[in-house]
C-alpha cells in the first residue's frame, strides 16, 4: 500500500462536513475529466431507469472500460431527479447489467461511490432493495475482470458497499466511508442524533482510518478546504493511479485476481 498525503489536524466531523458540501464535485464531473467517448446506458430491463446511477462504457487511455457511478445532483431539481444519490433497486440492477456485460467483453470496471445510503422507501423495499444489493455483492465478488472503486465523498451503508467490492478501493482525502451516517449511528447507539459529532470520531470513518485498517488502498490528496477548491491536481493523481493499477490488474491471471480479491475481504475486520 502507498500513501501520498499526511493526516491533517481536521477532525472526523470536519471531514464529514467537507464531504457533504453541495459544491463538491460529483461523479459526472470525474467521468467528464477522466474518460473519452463515454456512452451512457439506461434502464435495468425490469422496471425503469434510476438516475442515481450513471453507467456506460468509455475509453481510458485507450483502454475500453465500463463506468458505474452513484450520482448526486448539483441543484435541488437535479437532486430530486437523482433522489439525492440514494439508489433504488433498479439502479443496482442497472449496475449488475453493466457489470455482467463488462465481464462478457473483458472490460475493466471503474465504480464511483457517492451515497449516504440506498433508498429505504416502501417502494424500493417492495421492488427488492435488499436482494438487489446482495446480488451486487455476490456478483462483483466473482467478476473475472479488474474492478476499482473510487469513494468521492460519502460512502454509506450497503448502498455504498454494493459498488465497492473491488480489487482496489481509492478514497479522496476528505471522503468518508461507514456502516451508516454519524446521525444514524448516534440515534441507534445513544438514542440521540445530536451526538453525531461524537459518533463520527468513534466510527473511524475517515480515509486515514480506513487506510490504517487496510480497507482502502490509496488516498487522493485534496487542497485545503476540499476538492471543490480545485480538482485539477486530484484528478491528475487519480488518473495516474488508475492507469497504473489497471495495467497491473489486467496482467494478472484470472484465478490470481479472484483469489486476491477474496483474500482482501477476508482480511477486513480481523484485528489483534
C-alpha atoms as a PDB file:
ATOM      1  CA  UNK A   1       0.000   0.000   0.000  1.00  0.00           C
ATOM      2  CA  UNK A   2       1.043   3.561  -0.687  1.00  0.00           C
ATOM      3  CA  UNK A   3       0.008   6.877   0.824  1.00  0.00           C
ATOM      4  CA  UNK A   4       0.846  10.292  -0.580  1.00  0.00           C
ATOM      5  CA  UNK A   5      -0.835  12.576   1.946  1.00  0.00           C
ATOM      6  CA  UNK A   6      -0.383  13.076   5.669  1.00  0.00           C
ATOM      7  CA  UNK A   7      -3.130  13.160   8.256  1.00  0.00           C
ATOM      8  CA  UNK A   8      -4.017  16.804   8.888  1.00  0.00           C
ATOM      9  CA  UNK A   9      -5.466  18.337  12.037  1.00  0.00           C
ATOM     10  CA  UNK A  10      -9.034  18.177  10.729  1.00  0.00           C
ATOM     11  CA  UNK A  11     -11.440  16.237  12.927  1.00  0.00           C
ATOM     12  CA  UNK A  12     -13.604  13.445  11.575  1.00  0.00           C
ATOM     13  CA  UNK A  13     -16.676  15.678  11.915  1.00  0.00           C
ATOM     14  CA  UNK A  14     -14.994  18.445   9.924  1.00  0.00           C
ATOM     15  CA  UNK A  15     -14.285  15.924   7.160  1.00  0.00           C
ATOM     16  CA  UNK A  16     -17.940  14.856   7.229  1.00  0.00           C
ATOM     17  CA  UNK A  17     -18.869  18.492   6.639  1.00  0.00           C
ATOM     18  CA  UNK A  18     -16.460  18.825   3.708  1.00  0.00           C
ATOM     19  CA  UNK A  19     -17.672  15.557   2.156  1.00  0.00           C
ATOM     20  CA  UNK A  20     -21.258  16.817   2.264  1.00  0.00           C
ATOM     21  CA  UNK A  21     -20.681  20.277   0.787  1.00  0.00           C
ATOM     22  CA  UNK A  22     -23.056  20.822  -2.117  1.00  0.00           C
ATOM     23  CA  UNK A  23     -20.388  22.295  -4.412  1.00  0.00           C
ATOM     24  CA  UNK A  24     -18.128  19.251  -4.074  1.00  0.00           C
ATOM     25  CA  UNK A  25     -17.506  17.614  -7.498  1.00  0.00           C
ATOM     26  CA  UNK A  26     -19.866  14.792  -8.403  1.00  0.00           C
ATOM     27  CA  UNK A  27     -19.365  11.522 -10.275  1.00  0.00           C
ATOM     28  CA  UNK A  28     -20.411  13.129 -13.556  1.00  0.00           C
ATOM     29  CA  UNK A  29     -17.549  15.640 -13.191  1.00  0.00           C
ATOM     30  CA  UNK A  30     -14.971  12.872 -12.836  1.00  0.00           C
ATOM     31  CA  UNK A  31     -16.424  10.939 -15.761  1.00  0.00           C
ATOM     32  CA  UNK A  32     -16.075  14.051 -17.916  1.00  0.00           C
ATOM     33  CA  UNK A  33     -12.478  14.644 -16.802  1.00  0.00           C
ATOM     34  CA  UNK A  34     -11.171  11.070 -16.953  1.00  0.00           C
ATOM     35  CA  UNK A  35     -12.859   9.277 -19.854  1.00  0.00           C
ATOM     36  CA  UNK A  36     -13.229   9.762 -23.594  1.00  0.00           C
ATOM     37  CA  UNK A  37     -16.169   8.682 -25.756  1.00  0.00           C
ATOM     38  CA  UNK A  38     -18.443   7.930 -22.804  1.00  0.00           C
ATOM     39  CA  UNK A  39     -21.733   6.349 -23.873  1.00  0.00           C
ATOM     40  CA  UNK A  40     -24.362   6.135 -21.140  1.00  0.00           C
ATOM     41  CA  UNK A  41     -26.761   3.196 -20.849  1.00  0.00           C
ATOM     42  CA  UNK A  42     -30.215   3.433 -19.274  1.00  0.00           C
ATOM     43  CA  UNK A  43     -32.571   1.070 -17.502  1.00  0.00           C
ATOM     44  CA  UNK A  44     -32.418  -2.300 -15.802  1.00  0.00           C
ATOM     45  CA  UNK A  45     -34.690  -4.065 -18.346  1.00  0.00           C
ATOM     46  CA  UNK A  46     -37.036  -4.937 -15.493  1.00  0.00           C
ATOM     47  CA  UNK A  47     -38.645  -1.796 -14.094  1.00  0.00           C
ATOM     48  CA  UNK A  48     -37.104   1.501 -15.154  1.00  0.00           C
ATOM     49  CA  UNK A  49     -34.100   3.798 -15.138  1.00  0.00           C
ATOM     50  CA  UNK A  50     -32.648   5.102 -11.881  1.00  0.00           C
ATOM     51  CA  UNK A  51     -30.957   8.478 -12.380  1.00  0.00           C
ATOM     52  CA  UNK A  52     -28.972   7.934  -9.168  1.00  0.00           C
ATOM     53  CA  UNK A  53     -26.777   5.543 -11.166  1.00  0.00           C
ATOM     54  CA  UNK A  54     -24.806   6.707 -14.196  1.00  0.00           C
ATOM     55  CA  UNK A  55     -23.456   3.755 -16.145  1.00  0.00           C
ATOM     56  CA  UNK A  56     -21.918   3.143 -19.518  1.00  0.00           C
ATOM     57  CA  UNK A  57     -18.761   2.456 -21.484  1.00  0.00           C
ATOM     58  CA  UNK A  58     -15.857   4.726 -22.281  1.00  0.00           C
ATOM     59  CA  UNK A  59     -12.185   4.873 -23.151  1.00  0.00           C
ATOM     60  CA  UNK A  60      -9.470   5.369 -20.535  1.00  0.00           C
ATOM     61  CA  UNK A  61      -6.006   5.920 -22.035  1.00  0.00           C
ATOM     62  CA  UNK A  62      -7.128   3.807 -24.953  1.00  0.00           C
ATOM     63  CA  UNK A  63      -8.477   1.011 -22.720  1.00  0.00           C
ATOM     64  CA  UNK A  64     -12.205   0.221 -23.101  1.00  0.00           C
ATOM     65  CA  UNK A  65     -13.755   0.356 -19.618  1.00  0.00           C
ATOM     66  CA  UNK A  66     -17.165   0.165 -18.001  1.00  0.00           C
ATOM     67  CA  UNK A  67     -18.049   3.023 -15.657  1.00  0.00           C
ATOM     68  CA  UNK A  68     -20.708   2.649 -12.940  1.00  0.00           C
ATOM     69  CA  UNK A  69     -21.256   5.685 -10.726  1.00  0.00           C
ATOM     70  CA  UNK A  70     -23.551   6.737  -7.919  1.00  0.00           C
ATOM     71  CA  UNK A  71     -24.565  10.269  -8.753  1.00  0.00           C
ATOM     72  CA  UNK A  72     -25.855  13.219  -6.731  1.00  0.00           C
ATOM     73  CA  UNK A  73     -27.214  16.371  -8.331  1.00  0.00           C
ATOM     74  CA  UNK A  74     -25.812  19.890  -8.390  1.00  0.00           C
ATOM     75  CA  UNK A  75     -29.140  21.623  -7.766  1.00  0.00           C
ATOM     76  CA  UNK A  76     -32.317  20.861  -5.857  1.00  0.00           C
ATOM     77  CA  UNK A  77     -34.127  19.998  -9.085  1.00  0.00           C
ATOM     78  CA  UNK A  78     -31.363  17.640 -10.202  1.00  0.00           C
ATOM     79  CA  UNK A  79     -31.111  16.083  -6.749  1.00  0.00           C
ATOM     80  CA  UNK A  80     -34.822  15.354  -6.768  1.00  0.00           C
ATOM     81  CA  UNK A  81     -34.410  13.518 -10.091  1.00  0.00           C
ATOM     82  CA  UNK A  82     -31.431  11.595  -8.672  1.00  0.00           C
ATOM     83  CA  UNK A  83     -33.051  11.049  -5.268  1.00  0.00           C
ATOM     84  CA  UNK A  84     -30.055  12.766  -3.652  1.00  0.00           C
ATOM     85  CA  UNK A  85     -27.835   9.878  -4.748  1.00  0.00           C
ATOM     86  CA  UNK A  86     -29.847   7.264  -2.841  1.00  0.00           C
ATOM     87  CA  UNK A  87     -30.069   4.346  -5.257  1.00  0.00           C
ATOM     88  CA  UNK A  88     -33.198   2.245  -5.808  1.00  0.00           C
ATOM     89  CA  UNK A  89     -33.288  -1.473  -6.760  1.00  0.00           C
ATOM     90  CA  UNK A  90     -33.474  -0.677 -10.475  1.00  0.00           C
ATOM     91  CA  UNK A  91     -30.245   1.323 -10.102  1.00  0.00           C
ATOM     92  CA  UNK A  92     -28.391  -1.608  -8.612  1.00  0.00           C
ATOM     93  CA  UNK A  93     -29.847  -3.909 -11.262  1.00  0.00           C
ATOM     94  CA  UNK A  94     -28.618  -1.497 -13.935  1.00  0.00           C
ATOM     95  CA  UNK A  95     -25.186  -1.773 -12.313  1.00  0.00           C
ATOM     96  CA  UNK A  96     -25.446  -5.564 -12.425  1.00  0.00           C
ATOM     97  CA  UNK A  97     -26.442  -5.463 -16.089  1.00  0.00           C
ATOM     98  CA  UNK A  98     -23.383  -3.353 -16.907  1.00  0.00           C
ATOM     99  CA  UNK A  99     -21.042  -5.454 -14.769  1.00  0.00           C
ATOM    100  CA  UNK A 100     -22.070  -8.676 -16.478  1.00  0.00           C
ATOM    101  CA  UNK A 101     -21.691  -7.048 -19.867  1.00  0.00           C
ATOM    102  CA  UNK A 102     -18.197  -5.845 -18.872  1.00  0.00           C
ATOM    103  CA  UNK A 103     -17.217  -9.392 -17.917  1.00  0.00           C
ATOM    104  CA  UNK A 104     -18.605 -10.748 -21.207  1.00  0.00           C
ATOM    105  CA  UNK A 105     -16.498  -8.313 -23.240  1.00  0.00           C
ATOM    106  CA  UNK A 106     -13.477  -8.389 -20.896  1.00  0.00           C
ATOM    107  CA  UNK A 107     -13.677  -4.714 -19.925  1.00  0.00           C
ATOM    108  CA  UNK A 108     -12.296  -3.489 -16.563  1.00  0.00           C
ATOM    109  CA  UNK A 109     -14.831  -1.766 -14.313  1.00  0.00           C
ATOM    110  CA  UNK A 110     -14.372   1.546 -12.506  1.00  0.00           C
ATOM    111  CA  UNK A 111     -17.046   2.469  -9.969  1.00  0.00           C
ATOM    112  CA  UNK A 112     -17.629   5.811  -8.251  1.00  0.00           C
ATOM    113  CA  UNK A 113     -19.191   5.706  -4.797  1.00  0.00           C
ATOM    114  CA  UNK A 114     -21.092   8.736  -3.532  1.00  0.00           C
ATOM    115  CA  UNK A 115     -24.206   7.995  -1.485  1.00  0.00           C
ATOM    116  CA  UNK A 116     -25.451   8.430   2.053  1.00  0.00           C
ATOM    117  CA  UNK A 117     -27.075   5.018   1.628  1.00  0.00           C
ATOM    118  CA  UNK A 118     -29.516   3.065  -0.512  1.00  0.00           C
ATOM    119  CA  UNK A 119     -33.042   4.461  -0.740  1.00  0.00           C
ATOM    120  CA  UNK A 120     -35.048   2.991   2.186  1.00  0.00           C
ATOM    121  CA  UNK A 121     -38.551   3.805   0.917  1.00  0.00           C
ATOM    122  CA  UNK A 122     -41.521   1.451   0.813  1.00  0.00           C
ATOM    123  CA  UNK A 123     -41.480   1.188  -2.994  1.00  0.00           C
ATOM    124  CA  UNK A 124     -37.787   0.270  -3.020  1.00  0.00           C
ATOM    125  CA  UNK A 125     -38.386  -2.480  -0.471  1.00  0.00           C
ATOM    126  CA  UNK A 126     -41.329  -3.792  -2.474  1.00  0.00           C
ATOM    127  CA  UNK A 127     -39.155  -3.983  -5.590  1.00  0.00           C
ATOM    128  CA  UNK A 128     -36.409  -5.922  -3.811  1.00  0.00           C
ATOM    129  CA  UNK A 129     -33.872  -3.426  -2.487  1.00  0.00           C
ATOM    130  CA  UNK A 130     -32.117  -5.888  -0.170  1.00  0.00           C
ATOM    131  CA  UNK A 131     -31.869  -8.639  -2.781  1.00  0.00           C
ATOM    132  CA  UNK A 132     -30.567  -6.191  -5.419  1.00  0.00           C
ATOM    133  CA  UNK A 133     -27.753  -5.070  -3.098  1.00  0.00           C
ATOM    134  CA  UNK A 134     -26.997  -8.666  -2.108  1.00  0.00           C
ATOM    135  CA  UNK A 135     -26.798  -9.681  -5.762  1.00  0.00           C
ATOM    136  CA  UNK A 136     -24.309  -6.858  -6.383  1.00  0.00           C
ATOM    137  CA  UNK A 137     -22.116  -8.126  -3.545  1.00  0.00           C
ATOM    138  CA  UNK A 138     -22.296 -11.680  -4.840  1.00  0.00           C
ATOM    139  CA  UNK A 139     -21.701 -10.772  -8.492  1.00  0.00           C
ATOM    140  CA  UNK A 140     -18.893  -8.249  -8.024  1.00  0.00           C
ATOM    141  CA  UNK A 141     -17.009 -10.620  -5.737  1.00  0.00           C
ATOM    142  CA  UNK A 142     -16.667 -13.113  -8.592  1.00  0.00           C
ATOM    143  CA  UNK A 143     -16.265 -10.903 -11.674  1.00  0.00           C
ATOM    144  CA  UNK A 144     -13.416 -12.115 -13.855  1.00  0.00           C
ATOM    145  CA  UNK A 145     -12.317  -8.586 -14.786  1.00  0.00           C
ATOM    146  CA  UNK A 146     -10.477  -5.942 -12.730  1.00  0.00           C
ATOM    147  CA  UNK A 147     -12.650  -3.689 -10.548  1.00  0.00           C
ATOM    148  CA  UNK A 148     -11.507  -0.409  -8.993  1.00  0.00           C
ATOM    149  CA  UNK A 149     -13.817   1.589  -6.694  1.00  0.00           C
ATOM    150  CA  UNK A 150     -13.370   5.317  -6.050  1.00  0.00           C
ATOM    151  CA  UNK A 151     -15.070   6.867  -2.995  1.00  0.00           C
ATOM    152  CA  UNK A 152     -15.622  10.524  -3.857  1.00  0.00           C
ATOM    153  CA  UNK A 153     -17.485  11.964  -0.878  1.00  0.00           C
ATOM    154  CA  UNK A 154     -19.918   9.853   1.148  1.00  0.00           C
ATOM    155  CA  UNK A 155     -19.904   6.076   1.219  1.00  0.00           C
ATOM    156  CA  UNK A 156     -22.764   4.955   3.406  1.00  0.00           C
ATOM    157  CA  UNK A 157     -24.027   1.505   4.373  1.00  0.00           C
ATOM    158  CA  UNK A 158     -24.941  -1.242   1.892  1.00  0.00           C
ATOM    159  CA  UNK A 159     -25.746   1.419  -0.672  1.00  0.00           C
ATOM    160  CA  UNK A 160     -22.033   2.123  -0.975  1.00  0.00           C
ATOM    161  CA  UNK A 161     -20.824  -1.427  -0.398  1.00  0.00           C
ATOM    162  CA  UNK A 162     -22.854  -2.638  -3.405  1.00  0.00           C
ATOM    163  CA  UNK A 163     -20.391  -0.857  -5.732  1.00  0.00           C
ATOM    164  CA  UNK A 164     -17.211  -1.243  -3.717  1.00  0.00           C
ATOM    165  CA  UNK A 165     -16.462  -4.946  -3.807  1.00  0.00           C
ATOM    166  CA  UNK A 166     -13.304  -4.305  -5.794  1.00  0.00           C
ATOM    167  CA  UNK A 167      -9.655  -5.203  -6.281  1.00  0.00           C
ATOM    168  CA  UNK A 168      -8.631  -1.682  -5.279  1.00  0.00           C
ATOM    169  CA  UNK A 169     -10.508   0.932  -3.233  1.00  0.00           C
ATOM    170  CA  UNK A 170      -9.464   4.577  -3.603  1.00  0.00           C
ATOM    171  CA  UNK A 171     -10.692   7.366  -1.323  1.00  0.00           C
ATOM    172  CA  UNK A 172     -10.372  11.098  -1.622  1.00  0.00           C
ATOM    173  CA  UNK A 173      -8.752  12.631   1.439  1.00  0.00           C
ATOM    174  CA  UNK A 174     -11.953  14.137   2.854  1.00  0.00           C
ATOM    175  CA  UNK A 175     -14.279  11.323   1.822  1.00  0.00           C
ATOM    176  CA  UNK A 176     -15.991   9.186   4.456  1.00  0.00           C
ATOM    177  CA  UNK A 177     -16.980   5.520   4.356  1.00  0.00           C
ATOM    178  CA  UNK A 178     -19.019   3.836   7.067  1.00  0.00           C
ATOM    179  CA  UNK A 179     -21.799   1.445   8.022  1.00  0.00           C
ATOM    180  CA  UNK A 180     -24.266   4.353   8.227  1.00  0.00           C
ATOM    181  CA  UNK A 181     -24.328   8.102   8.831  1.00  0.00           C
ATOM    182  CA  UNK A 182     -23.000   9.564  12.101  1.00  0.00           C
ATOM    183  CA  UNK A 183     -26.537  10.776  12.824  1.00  0.00           C
ATOM    184  CA  UNK A 184     -27.914   7.262  12.367  1.00  0.00           C
ATOM    185  CA  UNK A 185     -25.120   5.761  14.466  1.00  0.00           C
ATOM    186  CA  UNK A 186     -25.782   8.204  17.317  1.00  0.00           C
ATOM    187  CA  UNK A 187     -29.530   7.567  17.123  1.00  0.00           C
ATOM    188  CA  UNK A 188     -29.059   3.813  17.432  1.00  0.00           C
ATOM    189  CA  UNK A 189     -26.216   3.737  19.978  1.00  0.00           C
ATOM    190  CA  UNK A 190     -27.191   6.648  22.225  1.00  0.00           C
ATOM    191  CA  UNK A 191     -30.786   7.364  21.115  1.00  0.00           C
ATOM    192  CA  UNK A 192     -29.623  10.913  20.417  1.00  0.00           C
ATOM    193  CA  UNK A 193     -28.901  12.103  16.850  1.00  0.00           C
ATOM    194  CA  UNK A 194     -27.441  15.359  18.180  1.00  0.00           C
ATOM    195  CA  UNK A 195     -24.345  13.393  19.222  1.00  0.00           C
ATOM    196  CA  UNK A 196     -23.388  12.865  15.561  1.00  0.00           C
ATOM    197  CA  UNK A 197     -20.139  14.798  16.013  1.00  0.00           C
ATOM    198  CA  UNK A 198     -19.077  12.449  18.802  1.00  0.00           C
ATOM    199  CA  UNK A 199     -20.195   9.444  16.771  1.00  0.00           C
ATOM    200  CA  UNK A 200     -18.073  10.430  13.788  1.00  0.00           C
ATOM    201  CA  UNK A 201     -14.939  10.169  15.927  1.00  0.00           C
ATOM    202  CA  UNK A 202     -15.921   6.757  17.294  1.00  0.00           C
ATOM    203  CA  UNK A 203     -16.851   5.302  13.904  1.00  0.00           C
ATOM    204  CA  UNK A 204     -13.369   5.625  12.336  1.00  0.00           C
ATOM    205  CA  UNK A 205     -14.882   6.669   9.012  1.00  0.00           C
ATOM    206  CA  UNK A 206     -12.184   8.893   7.516  1.00  0.00           C
ATOM    207  CA  UNK A 207      -9.905   7.909   4.655  1.00  0.00           C
ATOM    208  CA  UNK A 208      -6.966   7.773   7.087  1.00  0.00           C
ATOM    209  CA  UNK A 209      -8.783   5.461   9.498  1.00  0.00           C
ATOM    210  CA  UNK A 210      -9.711   3.110   6.674  1.00  0.00           C
ATOM    211  CA  UNK A 211      -6.220   3.201   5.196  1.00  0.00           C
ATOM    212  CA  UNK A 212      -4.742   2.210   8.546  1.00  0.00           C
ATOM    213  CA  UNK A 213      -7.149  -0.737   8.695  1.00  0.00           C
ATOM    214  CA  UNK A 214      -6.103  -1.735   5.147  1.00  0.00           C
ATOM    215  CA  UNK A 215      -9.640  -1.364   3.835  1.00  0.00           C
ATOM    216  CA  UNK A 216      -8.752   1.356   1.360  1.00  0.00           C
ATOM    217  CA  UNK A 217      -5.632   1.131  -0.809  1.00  0.00           C
ATOM    218  CA  UNK A 218      -4.980   4.736  -1.806  1.00  0.00           C
ATOM    219  CA  UNK A 219      -5.772   8.242  -0.563  1.00  0.00           C
ATOM    220  CA  UNK A 220      -6.000  11.049  -3.118  1.00  0.00           C
ATOM    221  CA  UNK A 221      -4.856  14.380  -1.710  1.00  0.00           C
ATOM    222  CA  UNK A 222      -7.194  17.367  -1.728  1.00  0.00           C
ATOM    223  CA  UNK A 223      -6.448  21.094  -1.492  1.00  0.00           C
ATOM    224  CA  UNK A 224      -7.167  22.842   1.785  1.00  0.00           C
ATOM    225  CA  UNK A 225     -10.914  23.209   2.160  1.00  0.00           C
ATOM    226  CA  UNK A 226     -11.725  20.261  -0.092  1.00  0.00           C
ATOM    227  CA  UNK A 227     -11.569  19.202  -3.705  1.00  0.00           C
ATOM    228  CA  UNK A 228     -14.230  21.774  -4.584  1.00  0.00           C
ATOM    229  CA  UNK A 229     -11.473  24.396  -4.191  1.00  0.00           C
ATOM    230  CA  UNK A 230      -9.674  22.942  -7.216  1.00  0.00           C
ATOM    231  CA  UNK A 231      -9.809  19.443  -8.633  1.00  0.00           C
ATOM    232  CA  UNK A 232      -7.039  19.526 -11.249  1.00  0.00           C
ATOM    233  CA  UNK A 233      -4.231  18.039  -9.119  1.00  0.00           C
ATOM    234  CA  UNK A 234      -6.531  15.464  -7.555  1.00  0.00           C
ATOM    235  CA  UNK A 235      -7.834  14.341 -10.942  1.00  0.00           C
ATOM    236  CA  UNK A 236      -4.252  14.032 -12.208  1.00  0.00           C
ATOM    237  CA  UNK A 237      -3.254  11.906  -9.203  1.00  0.00           C
ATOM    238  CA  UNK A 238      -6.341   9.717  -9.586  1.00  0.00           C
ATOM    239  CA  UNK A 239      -5.713   9.340 -13.316  1.00  0.00           C
ATOM    240  CA  UNK A 240      -2.124   8.209 -12.706  1.00  0.00           C
ATOM    241  CA  UNK A 241      -3.160   5.737 -10.038  1.00  0.00           C
ATOM    242  CA  UNK A 242      -5.980   4.241 -12.110  1.00  0.00           C
ATOM    243  CA  UNK A 243      -3.876   3.633 -15.208  1.00  0.00           C
ATOM    244  CA  UNK A 244      -1.035   2.107 -13.155  1.00  0.00           C
ATOM    245  CA  UNK A 245      -3.325  -0.244 -11.245  1.00  0.00           C
ATOM    246  CA  UNK A 246      -5.411  -1.171 -14.283  1.00  0.00           C
ATOM    247  CA  UNK A 247      -2.290  -2.289 -16.119  1.00  0.00           C
ATOM    248  CA  UNK A 248      -1.197  -4.312 -13.089  1.00  0.00           C
ATOM    249  CA  UNK A 249      -4.593  -5.963 -12.637  1.00  0.00           C
ATOM    250  CA  UNK A 250      -5.073  -6.683 -16.349  1.00  0.00           C
ATOM    251  CA  UNK A 251      -1.738  -8.510 -16.385  1.00  0.00           C
ATOM    252  CA  UNK A 252      -2.802 -10.885 -13.606  1.00  0.00           C
ATOM    253  CA  UNK A 253      -4.136 -14.347 -14.300  1.00  0.00           C
ATOM    254  CA  UNK A 254      -7.875 -14.597 -13.621  1.00  0.00           C
ATOM    255  CA  UNK A 255      -7.514 -17.127 -10.806  1.00  0.00           C
ATOM    256  CA  UNK A 256      -4.930 -14.902  -9.063  1.00  0.00           C
ATOM    257  CA  UNK A 257      -7.144 -11.826  -9.486  1.00  0.00           C
ATOM    258  CA  UNK A 258     -10.108 -13.598  -7.889  1.00  0.00           C
ATOM    259  CA  UNK A 259      -8.048 -15.108  -5.081  1.00  0.00           C
ATOM    260  CA  UNK A 260      -6.517 -11.726  -4.191  1.00  0.00           C
ATOM    261  CA  UNK A 261      -9.958 -10.083  -4.174  1.00  0.00           C
ATOM    262  CA  UNK A 262     -11.340 -12.839  -1.957  1.00  0.00           C
ATOM    263  CA  UNK A 263      -8.449 -12.565   0.483  1.00  0.00           C
ATOM    264  CA  UNK A 264      -8.729  -8.769   0.582  1.00  0.00           C
ATOM    265  CA  UNK A 265     -12.232  -9.008   2.005  1.00  0.00           C
ATOM    266  CA  UNK A 266     -11.473 -11.961   4.246  1.00  0.00           C
ATOM    267  CA  UNK A 267      -8.851  -9.808   5.991  1.00  0.00           C
ATOM    268  CA  UNK A 268     -11.249  -6.954   6.737  1.00  0.00           C
ATOM    269  CA  UNK A 269     -12.344  -6.895  10.365  1.00  0.00           C
ATOM    270  CA  UNK A 270      -9.617  -9.185  11.670  1.00  0.00           C
ATOM    271  CA  UNK A 271      -7.595  -7.350  14.326  1.00  0.00           C
ATOM    272  CA  UNK A 272      -5.469  -8.361  17.270  1.00  0.00           C
END
